[in-house]
Amino acid sequence: MANQTFGPPDAPVPDGIVPAQVVARTEKRWIMIMATMLLVMMAIIVVTGIMGAMHPSSNVEVVDPTTLHLGGEFVESNLGTAAEPDGSVTVRLIAQQYEFIPHCVTVPAGMPVKFRLTSADVVHGFMLPDTNVNTMVVPGFVAEVRTRFAGEGEYAMPCHEFCGLGHHAMWAHVRVVQKERFANLTAFKRMSCE
């Protein structure tokens, strides 16, 4: 039985059966293609990891969420809308379960508006429908979004990141008014939307 031969290696094979040499060659090619793809993907992961560490995301600012109301940029007297010397407007808000503080802000139409937000407790979302404003508000970090409103109107501002059982009721408002009217508003009226 050990001396039994099965014929020459180049003997014709029946129809529908692929010769062993062709199968082996095809499998080697696929292994090489898969190994190359794996190496390319690993190289991409390593390069992006290194580049991300060398060039961190812009505007990474940290803040202590346990002392927000006690001092610094997000102390209660700084919240709301503030006109800057360069003609732009800065809106500072704190998100906490289940409200934005202040609940309503007034901004001028046609001027650059910068929203600066942070969270006092959990991850929240900040979005103004029909604008480019959409960001996550993470405790310990300051989120900043810039926009410009073309005309007057009122925007509902929902929290779009689930933050607990009262998440569905976490809404605030942004009222956009003409520049002239905005200039005549007191700081209190800019936060009350009356």
N, C-alpha and C. Protein backbone atom coordinates (compact mmCIF):
# COMPACT_ATOMS: atom_id res chain seq x y z
N MET A 1 0.78 -1.16 0.00
CA MET A 1 0.00 0.00 0.00
C MET A 1 0.85 1.25 0.00
N ALA A 2 2.03 1.22 0.63
CA ALA A 2 2.90 2.37 0.68
C ALA A 2 3.47 2.67 -0.69
N ASN A 3 3.53 1.69 -1.57
CA ASN A 3 4.10 1.91 -2.89
C ASN A 3 3.04 2.34 -3.91
N GLN A 4 1.84 2.56 -3.47
CA GLN A 4 0.78 2.90 -4.41
C GLN A 4 0.98 4.33 -4.89
N THR A 5 0.89 4.55 -6.20
CA THR A 5 1.02 5.88 -6.78
C THR A 5 -0.32 6.29 -7.36
N PHE A 6 -0.53 7.56 -7.38
CA PHE A 6 -1.80 8.08 -7.86
C PHE A 6 -1.68 8.73 -9.23
N GLY A 7 -0.61 8.59 -9.86
CA GLY A 7 -0.43 9.15 -11.19
C GLY A 7 0.47 10.36 -11.14
N PRO A 8 0.86 10.82 -12.32
CA PRO A 8 1.75 11.98 -12.38
C PRO A 8 1.02 13.23 -11.87
N PRO A 9 1.77 14.21 -11.30
CA PRO A 9 1.14 15.40 -10.75
C PRO A 9 0.41 16.24 -11.80
N ASP A 10 0.80 16.12 -13.03
CA ASP A 10 0.16 16.91 -14.07
C ASP A 10 -0.93 16.14 -14.79
N ALA A 11 -1.39 15.06 -14.19
CA ALA A 11 -2.44 14.27 -14.82
C ALA A 11 -3.72 15.09 -14.88
N PRO A 12 -4.50 14.93 -15.90
CA PRO A 12 -5.75 15.69 -16.00
C PRO A 12 -6.69 15.33 -14.86
N VAL A 13 -7.41 16.34 -14.38
CA VAL A 13 -8.37 16.12 -13.31
C VAL A 13 -9.77 16.15 -13.89
N PRO A 14 -10.68 15.51 -13.23
CA PRO A 14 -12.05 15.52 -13.74
C PRO A 14 -12.64 16.93 -13.75
N ASP A 15 -13.65 17.14 -14.56
CA ASP A 15 -14.31 18.44 -14.64
C ASP A 15 -14.86 18.86 -13.28
N GLY A 16 -14.71 20.19 -12.96
CA GLY A 16 -15.25 20.73 -11.72
C GLY A 16 -14.29 20.65 -10.55
N ILE A 17 -13.19 19.97 -10.67
CA ILE A 17 -12.22 19.87 -9.58
C ILE A 17 -11.04 20.75 -9.94
N VAL A 18 -10.65 21.63 -9.01
CA VAL A 18 -9.53 22.54 -9.24
C VAL A 18 -8.26 21.86 -8.77
N PRO A 19 -7.22 21.93 -9.60
CA PRO A 19 -5.96 21.30 -9.20
C PRO A 19 -5.41 21.90 -7.90
N ALA A 20 -4.72 21.10 -7.13
CA ALA A 20 -4.18 21.50 -5.83
C ALA A 20 -3.22 22.67 -5.95
N GLN A 21 -2.44 22.72 -7.04
CA GLN A 21 -1.48 23.81 -7.22
C GLN A 21 -2.21 25.15 -7.36
N VAL A 22 -3.32 25.14 -8.09
CA VAL A 22 -4.08 26.38 -8.28
C VAL A 22 -4.70 26.84 -6.96
N VAL A 23 -5.23 25.89 -6.19
CA VAL A 23 -5.81 26.22 -4.90
C VAL A 23 -4.75 26.81 -3.98
N ALA A 24 -3.59 26.19 -3.91
CA ALA A 24 -2.51 26.66 -3.04
C ALA A 24 -2.05 28.05 -3.45
N ARG A 25 -1.89 28.28 -4.75
CA ARG A 25 -1.46 29.58 -5.26
C ARG A 25 -2.50 30.66 -4.93
N THR A 26 -3.77 30.37 -5.11
CA THR A 26 -4.84 31.33 -4.82
C THR A 26 -4.90 31.64 -3.33
N GLU A 27 -4.75 30.63 -2.48
CA GLU A 27 -4.78 30.86 -1.04
C GLU A 27 -3.60 31.72 -0.60
N LYS A 28 -2.42 31.49 -1.19
CA LYS A 28 -1.25 32.31 -0.85
C LYS A 28 -1.48 33.76 -1.24
N ARG A 29 -2.10 34.00 -2.38
CA ARG A 29 -2.37 35.38 -2.82
C ARG A 29 -3.33 36.06 -1.85
N TRP A 30 -4.42 35.36 -1.46
CA TRP A 30 -5.37 35.95 -0.54
C TRP A 30 -4.75 36.21 0.83
N ILE A 31 -3.90 35.33 1.29
CA ILE A 31 -3.21 35.55 2.57
C ILE A 31 -2.34 36.79 2.47
N MET A 32 -1.64 36.96 1.36
CA MET A 32 -0.78 38.14 1.19
C MET A 32 -1.62 39.43 1.13
N ILE A 33 -2.75 39.37 0.43
CA ILE A 33 -3.62 40.55 0.35
C ILE A 33 -4.15 40.91 1.73
N MET A 34 -4.62 39.92 2.48
CA MET A 34 -5.17 40.17 3.82
C MET A 34 -4.08 40.66 4.78
N ALA A 35 -2.90 40.09 4.71
CA ALA A 35 -1.80 40.54 5.57
C ALA A 35 -1.42 41.98 5.24
N THR A 36 -1.40 42.33 3.96
CA THR A 36 -1.08 43.70 3.55
C THR A 36 -2.15 44.67 4.06
N MET A 37 -3.42 44.30 3.90
CA MET A 37 -4.49 45.17 4.40
C MET A 37 -4.41 45.35 5.91
N LEU A 38 -4.11 44.27 6.63
CA LEU A 38 -3.98 44.35 8.08
C LEU A 38 -2.83 45.29 8.47
N LEU A 39 -1.70 45.18 7.80
CA LEU A 39 -0.56 46.05 8.09
C LEU A 39 -0.88 47.51 7.78
N VAL A 40 -1.58 47.77 6.68
CA VAL A 40 -1.96 49.15 6.34
C VAL A 40 -2.89 49.72 7.40
N MET A 41 -3.89 48.94 7.83
CA MET A 41 -4.81 49.42 8.87
C MET A 41 -4.09 49.67 10.19
N MET A 42 -3.20 48.80 10.56
CA MET A 42 -2.44 49.00 11.80
C MET A 42 -1.57 50.25 11.70
N ALA A 43 -0.96 50.48 10.54
CA ALA A 43 -0.14 51.67 10.34
C ALA A 43 -1.00 52.94 10.46
N ILE A 44 -2.21 52.90 9.90
CA ILE A 44 -3.10 54.06 10.00
C ILE A 44 -3.46 54.33 11.45
N ILE A 45 -3.75 53.30 12.22
CA ILE A 45 -4.10 53.47 13.63
C ILE A 45 -2.94 54.07 14.40
N VAL A 46 -1.73 53.56 14.17
CA VAL A 46 -0.55 54.07 14.88
C VAL A 46 -0.28 55.52 14.49
N VAL A 47 -0.31 55.83 13.20
CA VAL A 47 -0.02 57.20 12.75
C VAL A 47 -1.05 58.18 13.28
N THR A 48 -2.34 57.85 13.21
CA THR A 48 -3.35 58.77 13.72
C THR A 48 -3.26 58.91 15.23
N GLY A 49 -2.89 57.85 15.93
CA GLY A 49 -2.70 57.94 17.37
C GLY A 49 -1.56 58.87 17.72
N ILE A 50 -0.45 58.77 17.01
CA ILE A 50 0.70 59.63 17.26
C ILE A 50 0.37 61.07 16.88
N MET A 51 -0.26 61.27 15.73
CA MET A 51 -0.58 62.63 15.29
C MET A 51 -1.61 63.27 16.23
N GLY A 52 -2.56 62.48 16.73
CA GLY A 52 -3.54 63.01 17.68
C GLY A 52 -2.88 63.43 18.98
N ALA A 53 -1.86 62.71 19.40
CA ALA A 53 -1.16 63.06 20.63
C ALA A 53 -0.29 64.29 20.41
N MET A 54 0.25 64.44 19.20
CA MET A 54 1.09 65.60 18.92
C MET A 54 0.25 66.85 18.68
N HIS A 55 -0.94 66.69 18.13
CA HIS A 55 -1.82 67.81 17.81
C HIS A 55 -3.19 67.54 18.44
N PRO A 56 -3.35 67.80 19.73
CA PRO A 56 -4.64 67.53 20.36
C PRO A 56 -5.74 68.41 19.76
N SER A 57 -6.96 68.01 20.00
CA SER A 57 -8.09 68.77 19.50
C SER A 57 -8.00 70.21 19.96
N SER A 58 -8.48 71.12 19.10
CA SER A 58 -8.40 72.52 19.45
C SER A 58 -9.38 72.84 20.57
N ASN A 59 -9.11 73.93 21.25
CA ASN A 59 -9.98 74.47 22.29
C ASN A 59 -10.25 73.46 23.41
N VAL A 60 -9.23 72.76 23.86
CA VAL A 60 -9.39 71.86 25.00
C VAL A 60 -9.12 72.68 26.26
N GLU A 61 -10.18 73.03 26.94
CA GLU A 61 -10.08 73.80 28.18
C GLU A 61 -10.70 72.98 29.29
N VAL A 62 -10.06 72.96 30.42
CA VAL A 62 -10.59 72.21 31.55
C VAL A 62 -11.11 73.18 32.60
N VAL A 63 -12.08 72.69 33.36
CA VAL A 63 -12.68 73.47 34.43
C VAL A 63 -13.13 72.48 35.51
N ASP A 64 -13.10 72.90 36.75
CA ASP A 64 -13.50 72.03 37.85
C ASP A 64 -15.02 72.10 38.00
N PRO A 65 -15.73 71.01 37.68
CA PRO A 65 -17.20 71.07 37.74
C PRO A 65 -17.76 71.23 39.15
N THR A 66 -16.96 70.94 40.16
CA THR A 66 -17.48 71.05 41.54
C THR A 66 -17.45 72.48 42.05
N THR A 67 -16.71 73.37 41.39
CA THR A 67 -16.60 74.76 41.87
C THR A 67 -17.03 75.77 40.82
N LEU A 68 -17.87 75.38 39.88
CA LEU A 68 -18.28 76.28 38.80
C LEU A 68 -18.91 77.57 39.31
N HIS A 69 -19.81 77.46 40.27
CA HIS A 69 -20.56 78.63 40.74
C HIS A 69 -19.77 79.48 41.73
N LEU A 70 -18.60 79.02 42.15
CA LEU A 70 -17.85 79.72 43.19
C LEU A 70 -16.88 80.76 42.64
N GLY A 71 -16.38 80.56 41.44
CA GLY A 71 -15.43 81.51 40.88
C GLY A 71 -15.06 81.15 39.47
N GLY A 72 -14.33 82.04 38.83
CA GLY A 72 -13.88 81.79 37.47
C GLY A 72 -14.89 82.26 36.44
N GLU A 73 -14.74 81.79 35.25
CA GLU A 73 -15.55 82.23 34.12
C GLU A 73 -17.03 81.92 34.28
N PHE A 74 -17.36 80.81 34.93
CA PHE A 74 -18.75 80.37 35.01
C PHE A 74 -19.41 80.69 36.35
N VAL A 75 -18.88 81.69 37.05
CA VAL A 75 -19.55 82.16 38.26
C VAL A 75 -20.89 82.77 37.83
N GLU A 76 -21.87 82.73 38.71
CA GLU A 76 -23.23 83.13 38.34
C GLU A 76 -23.32 84.52 37.72
N SER A 77 -22.53 85.46 38.17
CA SER A 77 -22.60 86.82 37.62
C SER A 77 -22.08 86.91 36.19
N ASN A 78 -21.33 85.91 35.72
CA ASN A 78 -20.82 85.92 34.34
C ASN A 78 -21.71 85.17 33.37
N LEU A 79 -22.71 84.46 33.86
CA LEU A 79 -23.55 83.65 32.97
C LEU A 79 -24.47 84.54 32.15
N GLY A 80 -24.86 84.02 30.99
CA GLY A 80 -25.74 84.77 30.10
C GLY A 80 -24.96 85.38 28.95
N THR A 81 -25.51 86.46 28.40
CA THR A 81 -24.96 87.10 27.22
C THR A 81 -24.12 88.30 27.61
N ALA A 82 -22.91 88.39 27.05
CA ALA A 82 -22.02 89.52 27.30
C ALA A 82 -21.49 90.06 25.98
N ALA A 83 -21.54 91.37 25.82
CA ALA A 83 -20.98 92.01 24.63
C ALA A 83 -19.49 92.18 24.85
N GLU A 84 -18.70 91.75 23.87
CA GLU A 84 -17.24 91.84 23.95
C GLU A 84 -16.76 93.14 23.32
N PRO A 85 -15.55 93.60 23.66
CA PRO A 85 -15.03 94.85 23.09
C PRO A 85 -14.85 94.80 21.56
N ASP A 86 -14.63 93.60 21.01
CA ASP A 86 -14.43 93.50 19.56
C ASP A 86 -15.74 93.49 18.77
N GLY A 87 -16.88 93.65 19.45
CA GLY A 87 -18.17 93.68 18.76
C GLY A 87 -18.88 92.34 18.73
N SER A 88 -18.21 91.28 19.16
CA SER A 88 -18.86 89.96 19.19
C SER A 88 -19.62 89.80 20.50
N VAL A 89 -20.32 88.69 20.60
CA VAL A 89 -21.11 88.40 21.79
C VAL A 89 -20.71 87.03 22.31
N THR A 90 -20.55 86.90 23.61
CA THR A 90 -20.24 85.62 24.24
C THR A 90 -21.39 85.22 25.16
N VAL A 91 -21.85 83.99 24.99
CA VAL A 91 -22.92 83.45 25.83
C VAL A 91 -22.31 82.33 26.67
N ARG A 92 -22.39 82.47 27.99
CA ARG A 92 -21.88 81.45 28.90
C ARG A 92 -23.07 80.73 29.53
N LEU A 93 -23.05 79.40 29.45
CA LEU A 93 -24.13 78.58 29.99
C LEU A 93 -23.56 77.41 30.78
N ILE A 94 -24.31 76.98 31.78
CA ILE A 94 -23.98 75.76 32.52
C ILE A 94 -25.14 74.79 32.31
N ALA A 95 -24.82 73.56 31.94
CA ALA A 95 -25.82 72.51 31.81
C ALA A 95 -25.75 71.64 33.05
N GLN A 96 -26.90 71.40 33.65
CA GLN A 96 -26.96 70.48 34.79
C GLN A 96 -28.32 69.83 34.78
N GLN A 97 -28.40 68.68 35.42
CA GLN A 97 -29.66 67.94 35.39
C GLN A 97 -30.75 68.80 36.02
N TYR A 98 -31.81 69.12 35.45
CA TYR A 98 -32.27 68.96 34.08
C TYR A 98 -32.59 70.33 33.53
N GLU A 99 -31.58 71.19 33.48
CA GLU A 99 -31.78 72.56 33.02
C GLU A 99 -30.49 73.17 32.50
N PHE A 100 -30.65 74.20 31.69
CA PHE A 100 -29.54 75.06 31.30
C PHE A 100 -29.65 76.32 32.15
N ILE A 101 -28.53 76.82 32.61
CA ILE A 101 -28.51 78.05 33.39
C ILE A 101 -27.69 79.07 32.63
N PRO A 102 -28.26 80.20 32.23
CA PRO A 102 -29.65 80.60 32.37
C PRO A 102 -30.55 79.84 31.38
N HIS A 103 -31.84 79.89 31.67
CA HIS A 103 -32.83 79.14 30.87
C HIS A 103 -33.07 79.80 29.51
N CYS A 104 -32.86 81.09 29.42
CA CYS A 104 -33.11 81.80 28.17
C CYS A 104 -32.05 82.89 28.01
N VAL A 105 -31.52 83.03 26.79
CA VAL A 105 -30.56 84.09 26.50
C VAL A 105 -30.99 84.84 25.25
N THR A 106 -30.64 86.12 25.19
CA THR A 106 -30.94 86.95 24.03
C THR A 106 -29.63 87.33 23.36
N VAL A 107 -29.57 87.18 22.04
CA VAL A 107 -28.38 87.51 21.27
C VAL A 107 -28.79 88.40 20.09
N PRO A 108 -27.83 89.17 19.54
CA PRO A 108 -28.16 90.04 18.41
C PRO A 108 -28.05 89.31 17.08
N ALA A 109 -28.86 89.73 16.13
CA ALA A 109 -28.78 89.18 14.77
C ALA A 109 -27.62 89.84 14.03
N GLY A 110 -26.99 89.08 13.14
CA GLY A 110 -25.95 89.61 12.27
C GLY A 110 -24.60 89.83 12.92
N MET A 111 -24.41 89.43 14.15
CA MET A 111 -23.12 89.59 14.83
C MET A 111 -22.58 88.22 15.21
N PRO A 112 -21.25 88.08 15.29
CA PRO A 112 -20.68 86.79 15.72
C PRO A 112 -21.07 86.48 17.16
N VAL A 113 -21.51 85.24 17.38
CA VAL A 113 -21.92 84.80 18.72
C VAL A 113 -21.10 83.56 19.08
N LYS A 114 -20.52 83.60 20.26
CA LYS A 114 -19.72 82.48 20.75
C LYS A 114 -20.42 81.90 21.98
N PHE A 115 -20.79 80.62 21.90
CA PHE A 115 -21.39 79.93 23.03
C PHE A 115 -20.29 79.17 23.76
N ARG A 116 -20.15 79.41 25.07
CA ARG A 116 -19.20 78.68 25.92
C ARG A 116 -20.02 77.98 26.99
N LEU A 117 -19.87 76.66 27.02
CA LEU A 117 -20.70 75.84 27.92
C LEU A 117 -19.85 74.86 28.69
N THR A 118 -20.35 74.48 29.84
CA THR A 118 -19.76 73.38 30.59
C THR A 118 -20.87 72.70 31.37
N SER A 119 -20.56 71.54 31.92
CA SER A 119 -21.55 70.77 32.67
C SER A 119 -21.12 70.66 34.12
N ALA A 120 -22.11 70.70 34.99
CA ALA A 120 -21.83 70.57 36.42
C ALA A 120 -21.95 69.14 36.91
N ASP A 121 -22.50 68.22 36.06
CA ASP A 121 -22.73 66.88 36.59
C ASP A 121 -22.46 65.76 35.58
N VAL A 122 -23.23 65.65 34.52
CA VAL A 122 -23.09 64.54 33.56
C VAL A 122 -22.96 65.11 32.15
N VAL A 123 -22.80 64.23 31.17
CA VAL A 123 -22.70 64.66 29.78
C VAL A 123 -24.08 65.13 29.31
N HIS A 124 -24.10 66.30 28.70
CA HIS A 124 -25.31 66.87 28.13
C HIS A 124 -25.04 67.19 26.66
N GLY A 125 -26.07 67.54 25.94
CA GLY A 125 -25.93 67.97 24.55
C GLY A 125 -26.45 69.38 24.40
N PHE A 126 -25.93 70.08 23.42
CA PHE A 126 -26.35 71.47 23.15
C PHE A 126 -26.53 71.60 21.65
N MET A 127 -27.77 71.90 21.23
CA MET A 127 -28.04 71.98 19.80
C MET A 127 -29.07 73.08 19.55
N LEU A 128 -28.81 73.86 18.50
CA LEU A 128 -29.81 74.82 18.03
C LEU A 128 -30.24 74.36 16.64
N PRO A 129 -31.46 73.86 16.50
CA PRO A 129 -31.92 73.36 15.20
C PRO A 129 -31.80 74.44 14.12
N ASP A 130 -31.51 74.01 12.90
CA ASP A 130 -31.37 74.87 11.73
C ASP A 130 -30.16 75.80 11.81
N THR A 131 -29.17 75.48 12.65
CA THR A 131 -27.92 76.24 12.71
C THR A 131 -26.76 75.24 12.73
N ASN A 132 -25.54 75.76 12.78
CA ASN A 132 -24.36 74.90 12.87
C ASN A 132 -23.99 74.58 14.31
N VAL A 133 -24.83 74.94 15.26
CA VAL A 133 -24.54 74.75 16.68
C VAL A 133 -25.00 73.36 17.11
N ASN A 134 -24.03 72.52 17.48
CA ASN A 134 -24.31 71.16 17.92
C ASN A 134 -23.05 70.63 18.59
N THR A 135 -23.09 70.42 19.89
CA THR A 135 -21.90 69.94 20.59
C THR A 135 -22.30 69.17 21.84
N MET A 136 -21.36 68.41 22.34
CA MET A 136 -21.54 67.72 23.62
C MET A 136 -20.97 68.61 24.71
N VAL A 137 -21.61 68.60 25.85
CA VAL A 137 -21.17 69.38 27.01
C VAL A 137 -20.74 68.38 28.07
N VAL A 138 -19.42 68.29 28.29
CA VAL A 138 -18.84 67.26 29.14
C VAL A 138 -18.35 67.89 30.44
N PRO A 139 -18.65 67.29 31.59
CA PRO A 139 -18.17 67.84 32.86
C PRO A 139 -16.64 67.89 32.88
N GLY A 140 -16.12 68.99 33.35
CA GLY A 140 -14.67 69.15 33.43
C GLY A 140 -14.05 69.81 32.22
N PHE A 141 -14.85 70.03 31.16
CA PHE A 141 -14.34 70.66 29.94
C PHE A 141 -15.25 71.80 29.51
N VAL A 142 -14.69 72.75 28.77
CA VAL A 142 -15.46 73.86 28.24
C VAL A 142 -15.69 73.60 26.75
N ALA A 143 -16.95 73.59 26.35
CA ALA A 143 -17.30 73.44 24.93
C ALA A 143 -17.52 74.84 24.36
N GLU A 144 -17.01 75.06 23.16
CA GLU A 144 -17.17 76.37 22.52
C GLU A 144 -17.67 76.18 21.10
N VAL A 145 -18.72 76.92 20.75
CA VAL A 145 -19.31 76.86 19.42
C VAL A 145 -19.56 78.30 18.97
N ARG A 146 -19.21 78.59 17.72
CA ARG A 146 -19.41 79.94 17.17
C ARG A 146 -20.42 79.90 16.04
N THR A 147 -21.23 80.95 15.98
CA THR A 147 -22.23 81.04 14.91
C THR A 147 -22.60 82.50 14.70
N ARG A 148 -23.48 82.71 13.74
CA ARG A 148 -24.02 84.04 13.45
C ARG A 148 -25.47 83.83 13.02
N PHE A 149 -26.39 84.56 13.61
CA PHE A 149 -27.80 84.44 13.28
C PHE A 149 -28.16 85.50 12.25
N ALA A 150 -28.82 85.09 11.18
CA ALA A 150 -29.13 86.01 10.08
C ALA A 150 -30.24 86.99 10.45
N GLY A 151 -31.25 86.53 11.13
CA GLY A 151 -32.37 87.40 11.44
C GLY A 151 -32.99 87.08 12.78
N GLU A 152 -34.01 87.85 13.12
CA GLU A 152 -34.69 87.66 14.40
C GLU A 152 -35.41 86.32 14.44
N GLY A 153 -35.59 85.83 15.65
CA GLY A 153 -36.32 84.58 15.83
C GLY A 153 -36.05 84.01 17.21
N GLU A 154 -36.68 82.88 17.46
CA GLU A 154 -36.47 82.19 18.73
C GLU A 154 -36.14 80.73 18.44
N TYR A 155 -35.14 80.22 19.12
CA TYR A 155 -34.67 78.86 18.92
C TYR A 155 -34.86 78.07 20.20
N ALA A 156 -35.46 76.90 20.08
CA ALA A 156 -35.54 75.98 21.20
C ALA A 156 -34.22 75.23 21.28
N MET A 157 -33.71 75.08 22.46
CA MET A 157 -32.39 74.52 22.66
C MET A 157 -32.52 73.24 23.49
N PRO A 158 -32.66 72.07 22.86
CA PRO A 158 -32.81 70.84 23.63
C PRO A 158 -31.47 70.24 24.04
N CYS A 159 -31.49 69.50 25.11
CA CYS A 159 -30.35 68.66 25.44
C CYS A 159 -30.53 67.39 24.61
N HIS A 160 -29.57 67.06 23.77
CA HIS A 160 -29.74 65.89 22.89
C HIS A 160 -28.86 64.71 23.28
N GLU A 161 -28.32 64.73 24.49
CA GLU A 161 -27.59 63.59 25.04
C GLU A 161 -28.36 63.13 26.28
N PHE A 162 -28.71 61.86 26.34
CA PHE A 162 -29.51 61.38 27.47
C PHE A 162 -28.75 61.63 28.77
N CYS A 163 -29.38 62.35 29.68
CA CYS A 163 -28.71 62.75 30.92
C CYS A 163 -29.46 62.30 32.17
N GLY A 164 -30.49 61.50 32.01
CA GLY A 164 -31.22 60.99 33.17
C GLY A 164 -32.71 61.01 32.91
N LEU A 165 -33.47 60.73 33.96
CA LEU A 165 -34.92 60.58 33.83
C LEU A 165 -35.62 61.87 33.39
N GLY A 166 -35.10 63.02 33.73
CA GLY A 166 -35.73 64.29 33.36
C GLY A 166 -35.20 64.86 32.06
N HIS A 167 -34.46 64.07 31.30
CA HIS A 167 -33.82 64.54 30.06
C HIS A 167 -34.83 65.14 29.09
N HIS A 168 -36.00 64.55 28.97
CA HIS A 168 -36.99 65.00 27.99
C HIS A 168 -37.45 66.44 28.26
N ALA A 169 -37.32 66.92 29.47
CA ALA A 169 -37.78 68.27 29.82
C ALA A 169 -36.65 69.28 29.86
N MET A 170 -35.45 68.90 29.44
CA MET A 170 -34.31 69.81 29.51
C MET A 170 -34.22 70.64 28.24
N TRP A 171 -34.85 71.80 28.28
CA TRP A 171 -34.89 72.73 27.15
C TRP A 171 -34.51 74.12 27.64
N ALA A 172 -33.95 74.90 26.75
CA ALA A 172 -33.73 76.32 27.01
C ALA A 172 -34.07 77.05 25.71
N HIS A 173 -33.90 78.37 25.71
CA HIS A 173 -34.28 79.16 24.54
C HIS A 173 -33.21 80.20 24.22
N VAL A 174 -33.04 80.45 22.95
CA VAL A 174 -32.19 81.54 22.47
C VAL A 174 -33.10 82.46 21.67
N ARG A 175 -33.18 83.70 22.10
CA ARG A 175 -33.97 84.70 21.38
C ARG A 175 -33.01 85.61 20.62
N VAL A 176 -33.25 85.77 19.33
CA VAL A 176 -32.41 86.61 18.47
C VAL A 176 -33.19 87.89 18.17
N VAL A 177 -32.57 89.03 18.48
CA VAL A 177 -33.20 90.34 18.25
C VAL A 177 -32.28 91.20 17.39
N GLN A 178 -32.78 92.31 16.91
CA GLN A 178 -31.97 93.24 16.12
C GLN A 178 -30.87 93.85 16.99
N LYS A 179 -29.74 94.22 16.35
CA LYS A 179 -28.59 94.76 17.08
C LYS A 179 -28.97 95.97 17.93
N GLU A 180 -29.78 96.86 17.37
CA GLU A 180 -30.14 98.08 18.08
C GLU A 180 -30.92 97.76 19.36
N ARG A 181 -31.84 96.82 19.25
CA ARG A 181 -32.63 96.43 20.43
C ARG A 181 -31.74 95.74 21.46
N PHE A 182 -30.82 94.90 21.00
CA PHE A 182 -29.91 94.20 21.91
C PHE A 182 -29.06 95.19 22.70
N ALA A 183 -28.58 96.24 22.04
CA ALA A 183 -27.72 97.22 22.71
C ALA A 183 -28.44 97.92 23.85
N ASN A 184 -29.77 98.02 23.78
CA ASN A 184 -30.54 98.70 24.82
C ASN A 184 -30.99 97.80 25.96
N LEU A 185 -30.73 96.50 25.85
CA LEU A 185 -31.16 95.56 26.89
C LEU A 185 -30.18 95.54 28.06
N THR A 186 -30.71 95.45 29.26
CA THR A 186 -29.85 95.29 30.43
C THR A 186 -29.38 93.83 30.52
N ALA A 187 -28.41 93.57 31.35
CA ALA A 187 -27.89 92.20 31.50
C ALA A 187 -28.99 91.27 31.99
N PHE A 188 -29.86 91.73 32.87
CA PHE A 188 -30.94 90.90 33.36
C PHE A 188 -31.92 90.56 32.24
N LYS A 189 -32.27 91.54 31.41
CA LYS A 189 -33.23 91.30 30.32
C LYS A 189 -32.64 90.40 29.25
N ARG A 190 -31.31 90.35 29.12
CA ARG A 190 -30.68 89.44 28.16
C ARG A 190 -30.81 88.00 28.60
N MET A 191 -31.06 87.77 29.89
CA MET A 191 -31.20 86.40 30.39
C MET A 191 -32.65 86.00 30.66
N SER A 192 -33.55 86.95 30.64
CA SER A 192 -34.93 86.62 31.01
C SER A 192 -35.82 86.41 29.79
N CYS A 193 -35.44 86.90 28.64
CA CYS A 193 -36.22 86.77 27.40
C CYS A 193 -37.62 87.35 27.56
N GLU A 194 -37.74 88.42 28.32
CA GLU A 194 -39.04 89.08 28.49
C GLU A 194 -39.27 90.08 27.37
